[in-house]
């Protein structure tokens, strides 16, 4: 038997590719290229790498995503949070900026690619669900604050270290008197220029009658304009001689062919950081991909996205890059600029390749402080404190998870903060489901509906106790269900039947089954029959494979209404007359 070759997502859109689509993709690629060049340089330096590495990491991944990705507009490359996590993972192994550091970054990208690819091939995309929205929001907000604080030392022109955000902030304040005045002025000026143009330039240009497309290109080009202005001023006024640090020599070449370090001991120490980078990158990428796909009534396939991101990171590892993922800001810009297919990514990659090959000499006098300002403006847009007020009023457990992730990341670092958030989320979920909501329900007169006796005017029976369990039954809550049922039965001398309404029970594990057997035995010894109602098909399938139903003293009813109708016809008749 011959098996067909694997089908690549590129074949979903390539047959209908036409001149109009090409024009739209080309325009979007131009805008994203202008945005991605300064971001790539800045994020490489944020990761502790030479600036050209950011350009290298923005070429091959875009090409690979065109073949393997399912999103039409996702733009893959270096992003702020992943760059910060990269720096945190490598910092203990080598000094930033060294060749050894770069080799470890390549190895980290390789491991991340392998992990993503394995998760995709094994269809394990659901693992990312353990990162709740609250944890991700708290983590990204904390990471953005940590990145901004780290970059502000460059704006001030001082050397400051700190193990965490609070120590770093304290040291920044302590070193404030030693701020380099010219560097600070350039930094504040660049921050002000980028902030104002980011928020006010495009609408004002449109108000002046400039077409929205042109206004958008000008707005997105502002970081490039800032780079050009500060680089020109530094060269013309010799600011580098006055103490303003510049990028210096940047190799004029296409990405080199590289390979990871084949060191098993290094791999073992990098595995956990690589896993966290992979999961965070996947969550960010899929979140923005799904949001943008919904606009066009399209869909993305999470497991295929894992494969695509794995291929992107592997390509980065073999072309001198570092870990990459789908970026939120650039993907939104790509979509808003009219990109229709991943071919826009190919065109962006060509633009960045030409920049790397032809334009890097002009970056010699580019001030570090300009790149720092670019990073600060970009990451501050990721800060979201609204999640804390929202979750405080809606779900306190989500608030605690977000707050713990925020404080853990600020106080102990990106890896520790993320692990704290995930563990707390899982712990709170276990705690919440270990005490399931169990309600005594009664019949609403004149209907076939059963509702909570404490919330509605209902009819109950002295000989039939109906309990609705609003949670799946598993090891963490099995004992609590036993205790609650024993408490409900105690003191009801006329009770003859207990009906467990299982409409909200999606699963029953072995521990819960044992508890049900104990409940059935205790009720039988007390002369009370146990019945089940509204059991879902998959749960019923599992119960039929056991002895529980055969030994059940009562029956299994299709509905709670039918159970009351047969077990207490008198109460049923009274309810029907009302």
Protein backbone atom coordinates (compact mmCIF):
# COMPACT_ATOMS: atom_id res chain seq x y z
CA UNK A 1 0.00 0.00 0.00
CA UNK A 2 1.32 3.43 -0.92
CA UNK A 3 0.80 6.31 1.48
CA UNK A 4 0.33 9.86 0.18
CA UNK A 5 3.07 12.33 1.15
CA UNK A 6 2.32 14.72 4.03
CA UNK A 7 0.26 17.70 2.91
CA UNK A 8 1.80 21.10 3.62
CA UNK A 9 -0.42 24.08 4.50
CA UNK A 10 1.18 26.09 1.68
CA UNK A 11 -0.95 24.09 -0.78
CA UNK A 12 -4.09 25.54 0.80
CA UNK A 13 -3.41 28.99 -0.65
CA UNK A 14 -0.77 28.71 -3.36
CA UNK A 15 -3.20 27.49 -6.11
CA UNK A 16 -5.25 30.70 -5.83
CA UNK A 17 -2.32 33.09 -5.56
CA UNK A 18 -2.72 35.96 -8.05
CA UNK A 19 -1.41 39.40 -8.91
CA UNK A 20 -3.78 41.19 -6.53
CA UNK A 21 -2.71 38.98 -3.61
CA UNK A 22 0.94 39.53 -4.54
CA UNK A 23 0.49 43.32 -4.44
CA UNK A 24 -1.20 43.16 -1.02
CA UNK A 25 1.51 40.90 0.37
CA UNK A 26 4.28 43.11 -1.04
CA UNK A 27 2.89 46.25 0.60
CA UNK A 28 2.48 44.46 3.95
CA UNK A 29 6.02 43.08 3.67
CA UNK A 30 7.41 46.58 3.12
CA UNK A 31 5.73 47.89 6.27
CA UNK A 32 6.69 44.87 8.41
CA UNK A 33 10.29 45.02 7.16
CA UNK A 34 10.57 48.64 8.28
CA UNK A 35 9.23 47.61 11.67
CA UNK A 36 11.23 44.38 11.99
CA UNK A 37 14.71 45.77 11.23
CA UNK A 38 15.02 47.93 14.38
CA UNK A 39 13.14 45.33 16.46
CA UNK A 40 15.48 42.53 15.34
CA UNK A 41 18.56 44.55 16.21
CA UNK A 42 17.12 45.58 19.56
CA UNK A 43 15.86 42.14 20.60
CA UNK A 44 19.19 40.52 19.76
CA UNK A 45 20.93 42.94 22.12
CA UNK A 46 18.20 42.31 24.71
CA UNK A 47 19.10 38.61 24.47
CA UNK A 48 22.76 39.51 25.02
CA UNK A 49 23.74 38.84 21.40
CA UNK A 50 25.36 40.96 18.68
CA UNK A 51 22.74 43.02 16.79
CA UNK A 52 23.26 41.22 13.47
CA UNK A 53 22.06 37.98 15.08
CA UNK A 54 18.60 39.53 15.27
CA UNK A 55 18.66 39.99 11.50
CA UNK A 56 19.82 36.40 11.02
CA UNK A 57 16.97 35.13 13.22
CA UNK A 58 14.42 37.02 11.12
CA UNK A 59 15.18 35.47 7.73
CA UNK A 60 15.06 31.66 7.61
CA UNK A 61 12.16 31.32 10.14
CA UNK A 62 9.92 33.51 7.96
CA UNK A 63 10.68 31.33 4.96
CA UNK A 64 10.03 28.07 6.82
CA UNK A 65 6.76 29.35 8.27
CA UNK A 66 5.49 29.99 4.75
CA UNK A 67 5.62 26.24 4.10
CA UNK A 68 4.50 24.83 7.45
CA UNK A 69 2.33 27.50 9.13
CA UNK A 70 -1.47 27.59 9.04
CA UNK A 71 -1.91 31.29 9.84
CA UNK A 72 -2.07 33.56 6.80
CA UNK A 73 -0.63 36.60 8.60
CA UNK A 74 1.56 35.42 11.50
CA UNK A 75 5.03 37.03 11.39
CA UNK A 76 7.73 34.92 13.04
CA UNK A 77 10.94 36.31 14.48
CA UNK A 78 12.60 37.55 17.68
CA UNK A 79 10.20 38.87 20.34
CA UNK A 80 10.83 40.69 23.59
CA UNK A 81 9.71 38.07 26.13
CA UNK A 82 11.51 35.18 24.41
CA UNK A 83 14.65 37.33 24.10
CA UNK A 84 14.54 38.02 27.83
CA UNK A 85 14.06 34.32 28.59
CA UNK A 86 16.97 33.52 26.27
CA UNK A 87 19.25 35.91 28.15
CA UNK A 88 18.14 34.44 31.49
CA UNK A 89 18.81 30.88 30.29
CA UNK A 90 22.26 31.53 28.84
CA UNK A 91 23.59 34.09 31.32
CA UNK A 92 24.81 31.48 33.79
CA UNK A 93 26.78 29.62 31.11
CA UNK A 94 28.71 32.38 29.31
CA UNK A 95 29.26 36.14 29.21
CA UNK A 96 26.92 38.14 26.99
CA UNK A 97 28.37 39.13 23.64
CA UNK A 98 30.97 36.36 23.49
CA UNK A 99 31.19 33.70 20.81
CA UNK A 100 30.47 30.99 23.40
CA UNK A 101 27.31 32.84 24.39
CA UNK A 102 26.18 32.91 20.76
CA UNK A 103 26.84 29.19 20.36
CA UNK A 104 24.70 28.44 23.41
CA UNK A 105 21.91 30.64 22.00
CA UNK A 106 22.05 28.61 18.79
CA UNK A 107 21.86 25.41 20.86
CA UNK A 108 18.88 26.78 22.79
CA UNK A 109 17.07 27.50 19.52
CA UNK A 110 17.88 23.97 18.37
CA UNK A 111 16.47 22.39 21.55
CA UNK A 112 13.40 24.60 21.41
CA UNK A 113 12.85 23.54 17.81
CA UNK A 114 13.14 19.86 18.70
CA UNK A 115 10.71 20.23 21.60
CA UNK A 116 8.14 22.11 19.50
CA UNK A 117 8.46 19.64 16.65
CA UNK A 118 8.06 16.66 19.00
CA UNK A 119 5.01 18.21 20.67
CA UNK A 120 3.46 18.85 17.27
CA UNK A 121 4.10 15.38 15.86
CA UNK A 122 2.74 13.82 19.07
CA UNK A 123 -0.25 16.20 18.93
CA UNK A 124 0.40 17.52 22.42
CA UNK A 125 -0.66 21.10 21.81
CA UNK A 126 -3.15 20.80 24.68
CA UNK A 127 -0.23 21.04 27.14
CA UNK A 128 -0.16 24.77 26.52
CA UNK A 129 -3.60 24.94 28.18
CA UNK A 130 -1.83 24.65 31.53
CA UNK A 131 -0.77 28.25 30.95
CA UNK A 132 -3.98 30.08 31.77
CA UNK A 133 -4.71 33.53 30.38
CA UNK A 134 -4.19 35.02 33.83
CA UNK A 135 -0.76 33.42 34.20
CA UNK A 136 0.30 34.51 30.71
CA UNK A 137 -0.93 38.07 31.31
CA UNK A 138 0.88 38.30 34.64
CA UNK A 139 4.04 36.84 33.12
CA UNK A 140 4.06 39.15 30.09
CA UNK A 141 3.35 42.22 32.22
CA UNK A 142 6.17 41.34 34.62
CA UNK A 143 8.53 40.54 31.76
CA UNK A 144 7.74 43.86 30.09
CA UNK A 145 8.50 45.75 33.32
CA UNK A 146 11.71 43.76 33.79
CA UNK A 147 12.80 44.44 30.21
CA UNK A 148 12.02 48.15 30.50
CA UNK A 149 13.97 48.43 33.76
CA UNK A 150 16.92 46.58 32.23
CA UNK A 151 16.94 48.88 29.21
CA UNK A 152 16.63 52.05 31.27
CA UNK A 153 20.19 51.62 32.51
CA UNK A 154 21.25 52.02 28.86
CA UNK A 155 19.11 55.13 28.59
CA UNK A 156 20.90 56.52 31.65
CA UNK A 157 24.31 55.46 30.35
CA UNK A 158 25.29 53.59 33.51
CA UNK A 159 26.33 50.06 34.43
CA UNK A 160 23.84 48.47 36.81
CA UNK A 161 23.25 44.85 37.73
CA UNK A 162 20.47 43.22 39.72
CA UNK A 163 19.24 39.70 40.40
CA UNK A 164 15.62 40.81 40.17
CA UNK A 165 13.42 43.77 39.29
CA UNK A 166 13.39 45.29 42.77
CA UNK A 167 17.16 45.12 43.23
CA UNK A 168 17.63 46.51 39.72
CA UNK A 169 15.27 49.39 40.48
CA UNK A 170 17.08 50.13 43.73
CA UNK A 171 20.45 50.15 41.97
CA UNK A 172 19.13 52.40 39.19
CA UNK A 173 18.06 54.96 41.78
CA UNK A 174 21.37 54.65 43.60
CA UNK A 175 23.35 55.23 40.38
CA UNK A 176 21.11 58.04 39.12
CA UNK A 177 23.66 60.75 40.06
CA UNK A 178 26.15 59.12 37.67
CA UNK A 179 23.82 59.35 34.66
CA UNK A 180 25.62 60.23 31.42
CA UNK A 181 23.92 63.47 30.41
CA UNK A 182 24.27 63.25 26.61
CA UNK A 183 23.22 59.59 26.51
CA UNK A 184 20.21 60.39 28.69
CA UNK A 185 19.17 63.29 26.47
CA UNK A 186 19.41 61.12 23.35
CA UNK A 187 17.43 58.38 25.09
CA UNK A 188 14.68 60.63 26.41
CA UNK A 189 14.44 62.39 23.07
CA UNK A 190 14.11 59.07 21.24
CA UNK A 191 11.54 57.81 23.75
CA UNK A 192 9.49 60.96 23.35
CA UNK A 193 9.70 60.83 19.55
CA UNK A 194 8.68 57.16 19.41
CA UNK A 195 5.86 57.59 21.92
CA UNK A 196 4.34 60.60 20.17
CA UNK A 197 4.63 59.15 16.68
CA UNK A 198 3.30 55.79 17.81
CA UNK A 199 0.12 57.27 19.24
CA UNK A 200 -0.53 60.51 17.35
CA UNK A 201 1.25 60.58 13.98
CA UNK A 202 -0.99 58.36 11.87
CA UNK A 203 -4.36 59.93 12.85
CA UNK A 204 -2.96 63.43 12.36
CA UNK A 205 -1.55 62.54 8.93
CA UNK A 206 -4.94 61.16 7.91
CA UNK A 207 -6.57 64.32 9.22
CA UNK A 208 -4.28 66.29 6.91
CA UNK A 209 -5.59 64.35 3.93
CA UNK A 210 -2.77 61.81 3.52
CA UNK A 211 -4.09 58.38 2.42
CA UNK A 212 -4.31 55.88 5.31
CA UNK A 213 -1.92 53.44 3.63
CA UNK A 214 0.81 56.07 3.28
CA UNK A 215 0.14 57.33 6.82
CA UNK A 216 0.48 53.78 8.12
CA UNK A 217 3.81 53.26 6.33
CA UNK A 218 5.15 56.53 7.72
CA UNK A 219 3.97 55.64 11.23
CA UNK A 220 5.56 52.18 11.14
CA UNK A 221 8.79 53.64 9.72
CA UNK A 222 9.30 55.96 12.71
CA UNK A 223 11.69 53.58 14.55
CA UNK A 224 13.77 53.46 11.36
CA UNK A 225 13.63 57.24 11.21
CA UNK A 226 14.79 57.42 14.85
CA UNK A 227 17.68 55.10 14.02
CA UNK A 228 18.62 57.19 11.00
CA UNK A 229 18.47 60.51 12.89
CA UNK A 230 20.43 59.40 15.95
CA UNK A 231 22.98 57.52 13.85
CA UNK A 232 23.51 60.55 11.62
CA UNK A 233 23.81 62.92 14.57
CA UNK A 234 26.23 60.60 16.35
CA UNK A 235 28.41 60.41 13.23
CA UNK A 236 28.19 64.11 12.41
CA UNK A 237 28.63 65.46 15.93
CA UNK A 238 31.03 62.73 17.14
CA UNK A 239 28.80 61.77 20.03
CA UNK A 240 30.65 58.48 20.27
CA UNK A 241 33.73 60.46 21.26
CA UNK A 242 31.65 62.14 23.97
CA UNK A 243 30.73 58.83 25.62
CA UNK A 244 27.62 57.71 23.73
CA UNK A 245 28.04 53.96 23.14
CA UNK A 246 27.50 52.81 19.56
CA UNK A 247 26.90 49.43 17.95
CA UNK A 248 30.20 49.49 16.07
CA UNK A 249 31.16 47.07 13.32
CA UNK A 250 28.32 44.86 12.07
CA UNK A 251 29.27 42.07 9.62
CA UNK A 252 28.00 42.66 6.09
CA UNK A 253 26.76 39.21 5.13
CA UNK A 254 23.89 36.80 4.82
CA UNK A 255 23.19 34.47 7.76
CA UNK A 256 26.03 31.97 8.27
CA UNK A 257 25.61 28.22 8.36
CA UNK A 258 25.89 27.19 12.00
CA UNK A 259 25.29 24.13 14.17
CA UNK A 260 24.38 23.60 17.84
CA UNK A 261 26.83 22.39 20.44
CA UNK A 262 26.66 18.60 20.78
CA UNK A 263 27.14 18.63 24.55
CA UNK A 264 24.69 16.40 26.43
CA UNK A 265 25.44 18.00 29.81
CA UNK A 266 24.67 21.42 28.34
CA UNK A 267 21.49 20.08 26.78
CA UNK A 268 20.34 18.74 30.15
CA UNK A 269 20.77 22.14 31.82
CA UNK A 270 19.08 23.95 28.93
CA UNK A 271 16.14 21.56 28.61
CA UNK A 272 13.81 23.23 31.15
CA UNK A 273 14.49 26.78 29.85
CA UNK A 274 14.02 25.50 26.28
CA UNK A 275 10.72 23.84 27.29
CA UNK A 276 9.45 27.04 28.93
CA UNK A 277 10.54 29.14 25.95
CA UNK A 278 8.77 26.70 23.63
CA UNK A 279 5.50 26.76 25.57
CA UNK A 280 5.45 30.53 26.10
CA UNK A 281 6.32 31.11 22.46
CA UNK A 282 3.65 28.68 21.31
CA UNK A 283 0.98 30.26 23.52
CA UNK A 284 1.82 33.77 22.29
CA UNK A 285 1.94 32.63 18.67
CA UNK A 286 -1.31 30.65 18.76
CA UNK A 287 -3.14 33.39 20.68
CA UNK A 288 -2.40 36.07 18.11
CA UNK A 289 -2.82 33.59 15.24
CA UNK A 290 -6.31 32.58 16.38
CA UNK A 291 -7.34 36.18 17.01
CA UNK A 292 -6.28 37.32 13.55
CA UNK A 293 -7.68 34.23 11.84
CA UNK A 294 -11.10 34.85 13.40
CA UNK A 295 -11.26 38.24 11.65
CA UNK A 296 -11.22 36.51 8.27
CA UNK A 297 -13.31 33.51 9.35
CA UNK A 298 -10.25 31.33 8.98
CA UNK A 299 -8.79 28.83 11.41
CA UNK A 300 -5.38 27.66 12.48
CA UNK A 301 -4.36 24.18 13.58
CA UNK A 302 -2.48 24.30 16.92
CA UNK A 303 -0.62 21.03 16.43
CA UNK A 304 0.50 22.08 12.95
CA UNK A 305 1.59 25.41 14.43
CA UNK A 306 3.84 23.47 16.82
CA UNK A 307 5.44 21.77 13.82
CA UNK A 308 5.81 25.12 12.04
CA UNK A 309 7.40 26.85 15.03
CA UNK A 310 9.66 23.84 15.53
CA UNK A 311 10.85 24.12 11.93
CA UNK A 312 11.34 27.89 12.37
CA UNK A 313 13.51 27.45 15.46
CA UNK A 314 15.54 24.68 13.86
CA UNK A 315 16.15 26.92 10.86
CA UNK A 316 17.24 29.71 13.23
CA UNK A 317 19.69 27.33 14.88
CA UNK A 318 21.31 26.44 11.57
CA UNK A 319 21.50 30.06 10.36
CA UNK A 320 23.07 31.76 13.37
CA UNK A 321 19.85 32.80 15.12
CA UNK A 322 18.23 32.30 18.52
CA UNK A 323 14.74 31.23 19.69
CA UNK A 324 11.87 32.84 17.77
CA UNK A 325 8.08 32.78 17.75
CA UNK A 326 5.12 34.58 16.24
CA UNK A 327 5.21 38.19 17.42
CA UNK A 328 2.01 39.95 18.49
CA UNK A 329 2.80 43.48 17.31
CA UNK A 330 4.33 42.60 13.95
CA UNK A 331 1.60 40.05 13.18
CA UNK A 332 -1.12 42.63 13.85
CA UNK A 333 0.75 45.12 11.65
CA UNK A 334 1.10 42.46 8.96
CA UNK A 335 -2.64 41.80 9.02
CA UNK A 336 -3.65 45.46 9.18
CA UNK A 337 -1.30 46.25 6.29
CA UNK A 338 -3.20 43.87 4.03
CA UNK A 339 -1.17 40.65 4.06
CA UNK A 340 -3.20 37.80 2.61
CA UNK A 341 -0.80 34.87 2.69
CA UNK A 342 2.47 33.77 4.35
CA UNK A 343 4.21 34.81 1.13
CA UNK A 344 4.38 38.25 2.75
CA UNK A 345 6.80 36.65 5.23
CA UNK A 346 9.01 35.47 2.37
CA UNK A 347 9.13 39.02 1.00
CA UNK A 348 9.93 40.38 4.46
CA UNK A 349 12.74 37.85 4.77
CA UNK A 350 14.15 39.02 1.43
CA UNK A 351 14.03 42.64 2.62
CA UNK A 352 15.87 41.79 5.84
CA UNK A 353 18.41 39.69 3.90
CA UNK A 354 19.17 42.66 1.65
CA UNK A 355 19.56 44.84 4.74
CA UNK A 356 21.96 42.34 6.29
CA UNK A 357 23.93 42.09 3.05
CA UNK A 358 24.06 45.74 1.99
CA UNK A 359 23.11 48.17 4.75
CA UNK A 360 24.87 47.02 7.91
CA UNK A 361 27.87 49.38 7.50
CA UNK A 362 25.57 52.36 8.16
CA UNK A 363 24.78 50.89 11.60
CA UNK A 364 28.31 51.53 12.92
CA UNK A 365 27.32 54.79 14.65
CA UNK A 366 23.91 53.54 15.80
CA UNK A 367 23.65 54.40 19.54
CA UNK A 368 22.80 51.60 21.96
CA UNK A 369 20.41 54.01 23.65
CA UNK A 370 18.28 54.25 20.48
CA UNK A 371 17.76 50.49 20.46
CA UNK A 372 17.01 50.57 24.19
CA UNK A 373 14.34 53.23 23.61
CA UNK A 374 12.87 51.12 20.80
CA UNK A 375 12.59 48.14 23.15
CA UNK A 376 11.05 50.18 25.98
CA UNK A 377 8.32 51.63 23.77
CA UNK A 378 7.57 48.20 22.31
CA UNK A 379 7.36 46.30 25.61
CA UNK A 380 5.40 48.89 27.57
CA UNK A 381 2.49 48.25 25.21
CA UNK A 382 2.44 44.71 26.64
CA UNK A 383 1.85 45.89 30.22
CA UNK A 384 -1.72 45.07 31.22
CA UNK A 385 -2.80 45.89 34.76
CA UNK A 386 -6.49 45.64 33.87
CA UNK A 387 -6.26 41.87 34.22
CA UNK A 388 -5.79 42.29 37.97
CA UNK A 389 -8.87 44.46 38.54
CA UNK A 390 -10.93 42.26 36.26
CA UNK A 391 -9.97 38.98 37.90
CA UNK A 392 -10.27 40.43 41.41
CA UNK A 393 -13.97 41.09 40.81
CA UNK A 394 -14.67 38.02 38.66
CA UNK A 395 -12.46 35.11 39.80
CA UNK A 396 -10.16 35.50 42.79
CA UNK A 397 -8.25 32.32 41.95
CA UNK A 398 -7.23 33.84 38.60
CA UNK A 399 -6.20 37.03 40.39
CA UNK A 400 -3.97 35.09 42.78
CA UNK A 401 -2.40 33.18 39.86
CA UNK A 402 -1.73 36.38 37.90
CA UNK A 403 -0.39 38.22 40.95
CA UNK A 404 1.86 35.31 41.96
CA UNK A 405 3.24 35.09 38.43
CA UNK A 406 3.85 38.85 38.34
CA UNK A 407 5.59 38.97 41.72
CA UNK A 408 7.46 35.71 41.12
CA UNK A 409 8.82 36.94 37.80
CA UNK A 410 9.79 40.35 39.20
CA UNK A 411 11.31 38.89 42.34
CA UNK A 412 12.91 35.63 41.19
CA UNK A 413 13.24 35.76 37.40
CA UNK A 414 11.32 34.70 34.34
CA UNK A 415 11.62 30.92 34.73
CA UNK A 416 10.79 30.86 38.43
CA UNK A 417 7.89 33.27 37.98
CA UNK A 418 6.35 31.22 35.20
CA UNK A 419 6.72 27.96 37.13
CA UNK A 420 5.15 29.56 40.22
CA UNK A 421 2.18 30.75 38.16
CA UNK A 422 1.61 27.36 36.53
CA UNK A 423 1.92 25.43 39.80
CA UNK A 424 -0.38 27.83 41.63
CA UNK A 425 -2.97 27.63 38.84
CA UNK A 426 -2.93 23.83 38.99
CA UNK A 427 -3.03 23.90 42.80
CA UNK A 428 -5.99 26.30 42.87
CA UNK A 429 -7.81 24.18 40.30
CA UNK A 430 -7.28 21.05 42.39
CA UNK A 431 -8.42 22.88 45.52
CA UNK A 432 -11.51 24.24 43.81
CA UNK A 433 -12.54 20.93 42.28
CA UNK A 434 -11.76 19.02 45.50
CA UNK A 435 -14.80 20.68 47.07
CA UNK A 436 -17.39 20.35 44.30
CA UNK A 437 -20.67 22.19 44.42
CA UNK A 438 -23.37 19.72 45.43
CA UNK A 439 -26.93 21.04 45.50
CA UNK A 440 -30.13 19.51 46.79
CA UNK A 441 -32.64 20.01 43.99
CA UNK A 442 -36.39 19.97 43.84
CA UNK A 443 -39.05 19.98 41.14
CA UNK A 444 -40.22 23.36 39.86
CA UNK A 445 -44.05 23.12 39.99
CA UNK A 446 -45.69 22.74 36.59
CA UNK A 447 -42.43 21.82 34.84
CA UNK A 448 -40.00 18.95 34.43
CA UNK A 449 -37.07 21.02 35.68
CA UNK A 450 -35.13 20.60 38.91
CA UNK A 451 -33.43 23.52 40.62
CA UNK A 452 -31.47 24.29 43.80
CA UNK A 453 -33.78 24.32 46.82
CA UNK A 454 -32.00 27.37 48.27
CA UNK A 455 -32.46 29.48 45.13
CA UNK A 456 -35.90 28.56 43.81
CA UNK A 457 -39.40 27.74 45.01
CA UNK A 458 -39.50 23.99 44.41
CA UNK A 459 -41.19 20.86 45.70
CA UNK A 460 -39.22 18.16 47.48
CA UNK A 461 -40.11 14.70 48.73
CA UNK A 462 -39.59 13.42 52.28
CA UNK A 463 -38.75 9.96 50.92
CA UNK A 464 -36.57 10.99 47.95
CA UNK A 465 -33.41 13.09 48.24
CA UNK A 466 -32.20 14.48 44.91
CA UNK A 467 -28.60 15.76 44.83
CA UNK A 468 -26.99 17.36 41.78
CA UNK A 469 -23.18 17.02 41.57
CA UNK A 470 -21.69 19.90 39.58
CA UNK A 471 -18.23 18.44 38.96
CA UNK A 472 -16.53 15.42 37.48
CA UNK A 473 -15.69 12.82 40.10
CA UNK A 474 -12.02 12.06 40.66
CA UNK A 475 -9.52 11.26 43.40
CA UNK A 476 -9.31 14.82 44.78
CA UNK A 477 -13.02 15.18 45.53
CA UNK A 478 -14.16 11.60 46.05
CA UNK A 479 -13.91 11.73 49.87
CA UNK A 480 -15.69 15.10 50.06
CA UNK A 481 -18.61 13.70 48.11
CA UNK A 482 -18.87 10.79 50.56
CA UNK A 483 -18.83 13.17 53.53
CA UNK A 484 -21.42 15.50 51.99
CA UNK A 485 -23.82 12.68 51.17
CA UNK A 486 -23.51 11.18 54.64
CA UNK A 487 -24.30 14.59 56.13
CA UNK A 488 -27.35 15.03 53.91
CA UNK A 489 -28.75 11.60 54.76
CA UNK A 490 -28.26 11.96 58.53
CA UNK A 491 -31.45 12.93 60.37
CA UNK A 492 -33.87 12.11 57.52
CA UNK A 493 -35.81 9.26 59.15
CA UNK A 494 -38.35 8.92 56.30
CA UNK A 495 -35.76 8.80 53.54
CA UNK A 496 -36.00 5.77 51.24
CA UNK A 497 -34.20 6.85 48.05
CA UNK A 498 -31.19 8.98 47.10
CA UNK A 499 -30.93 10.14 43.48
CA UNK A 500 -27.60 11.51 42.25
CA UNK A 501 -28.23 13.79 39.27
CA UNK A 502 -25.10 13.42 37.13
CA UNK A 503 -25.85 15.89 34.34
CA UNK A 504 -22.62 17.83 35.10
CA UNK A 505 -20.42 14.77 35.62
CA UNK A 506 -18.13 14.31 32.60
CA UNK A 507 -15.83 11.66 34.05
CA UNK A 508 -15.46 9.24 36.94
CA UNK A 509 -12.05 7.83 37.87
CA UNK A 510 -11.21 4.70 39.87
CA UNK A 511 -11.04 6.51 43.23
CA UNK A 512 -14.45 8.09 42.68
CA UNK A 513 -15.90 4.76 41.62
CA UNK A 514 -14.67 3.24 44.88
CA UNK A 515 -16.35 6.10 46.78
CA UNK A 516 -19.62 5.46 44.93
CA UNK A 517 -19.40 1.81 45.89
CA UNK A 518 -18.85 2.79 49.55
CA UNK A 519 -21.81 5.17 49.39
CA UNK A 520 -24.01 2.50 47.86
CA UNK A 521 -23.05 -0.02 50.56
CA UNK A 522 -23.69 2.42 53.44
CA UNK A 523 -27.07 3.44 52.04
CA UNK A 524 -28.03 -0.20 51.49
CA UNK A 525 -27.13 -0.99 55.10
CA UNK A 526 -29.36 1.92 56.18
CA UNK A 527 -32.27 0.64 54.07
CA UNK A 528 -31.91 3.38 51.45
CA UNK A 529 -31.64 2.79 47.71
CA UNK A 530 -29.15 4.69 45.56
CA UNK A 531 -30.21 5.81 42.08
CA UNK A 532 -28.47 7.72 39.29
CA UNK A 533 -30.05 10.05 36.74
CA UNK A 534 -29.01 11.90 33.61
CA UNK A 535 -25.73 10.00 33.30
CA UNK A 536 -23.81 11.04 30.18
CA UNK A 537 -23.06 8.45 27.54
CA UNK A 538 -19.24 8.29 27.95
CA UNK A 539 -19.62 7.99 31.75
CA UNK A 540 -22.26 5.28 31.33
CA UNK A 541 -19.95 3.39 28.97
CA UNK A 542 -17.28 3.25 31.65
CA UNK A 543 -19.70 2.24 34.41
CA UNK A 544 -21.08 -0.65 32.36
CA UNK A 545 -17.58 -2.16 32.32
CA UNK A 546 -17.63 -2.44 36.13
CA UNK A 547 -19.68 -4.34 38.72
CA UNK A 548 -21.11 -1.12 40.15
CA UNK A 549 -24.30 -1.05 38.08
CA UNK A 550 -24.90 -4.75 38.63
CA UNK A 551 -24.70 -4.27 42.41
CA UNK A 552 -26.63 -1.00 42.45
CA UNK A 553 -29.64 -1.22 44.74
CA UNK A 554 -31.57 1.34 42.70
CA UNK A 555 -31.86 2.19 39.02
CA UNK A 556 -30.37 4.50 36.43
CA UNK A 557 -32.95 6.99 35.10
CA UNK A 558 -32.81 8.94 31.88
CA UNK A 559 -34.05 12.09 33.68
CA UNK A 560 -34.49 13.24 37.25
CA UNK A 561 -38.15 13.92 36.43
CA UNK A 562 -38.68 10.28 35.53
CA UNK A 563 -36.97 9.21 38.76
CA UNK A 564 -39.28 11.29 40.96
CA UNK A 565 -42.27 10.20 38.91
CA UNK A 566 -41.60 6.56 39.74
CA UNK A 567 -40.12 6.83 43.24
CA UNK A 568 -42.71 9.19 44.77
CA UNK A 569 -45.85 9.40 42.62
CA UNK A 570 -47.64 11.40 45.35
CA UNK A 571 -45.22 14.35 45.31
CA UNK A 572 -45.11 14.15 41.54
CA UNK A 573 -48.90 14.36 41.32
CA UNK A 574 -49.04 17.39 43.65
CA UNK A 575 -46.38 19.18 41.62
CA UNK A 576 -48.23 18.47 38.38
CA UNK A 577 -51.43 20.11 39.74
CA UNK A 578 -49.66 23.38 40.68
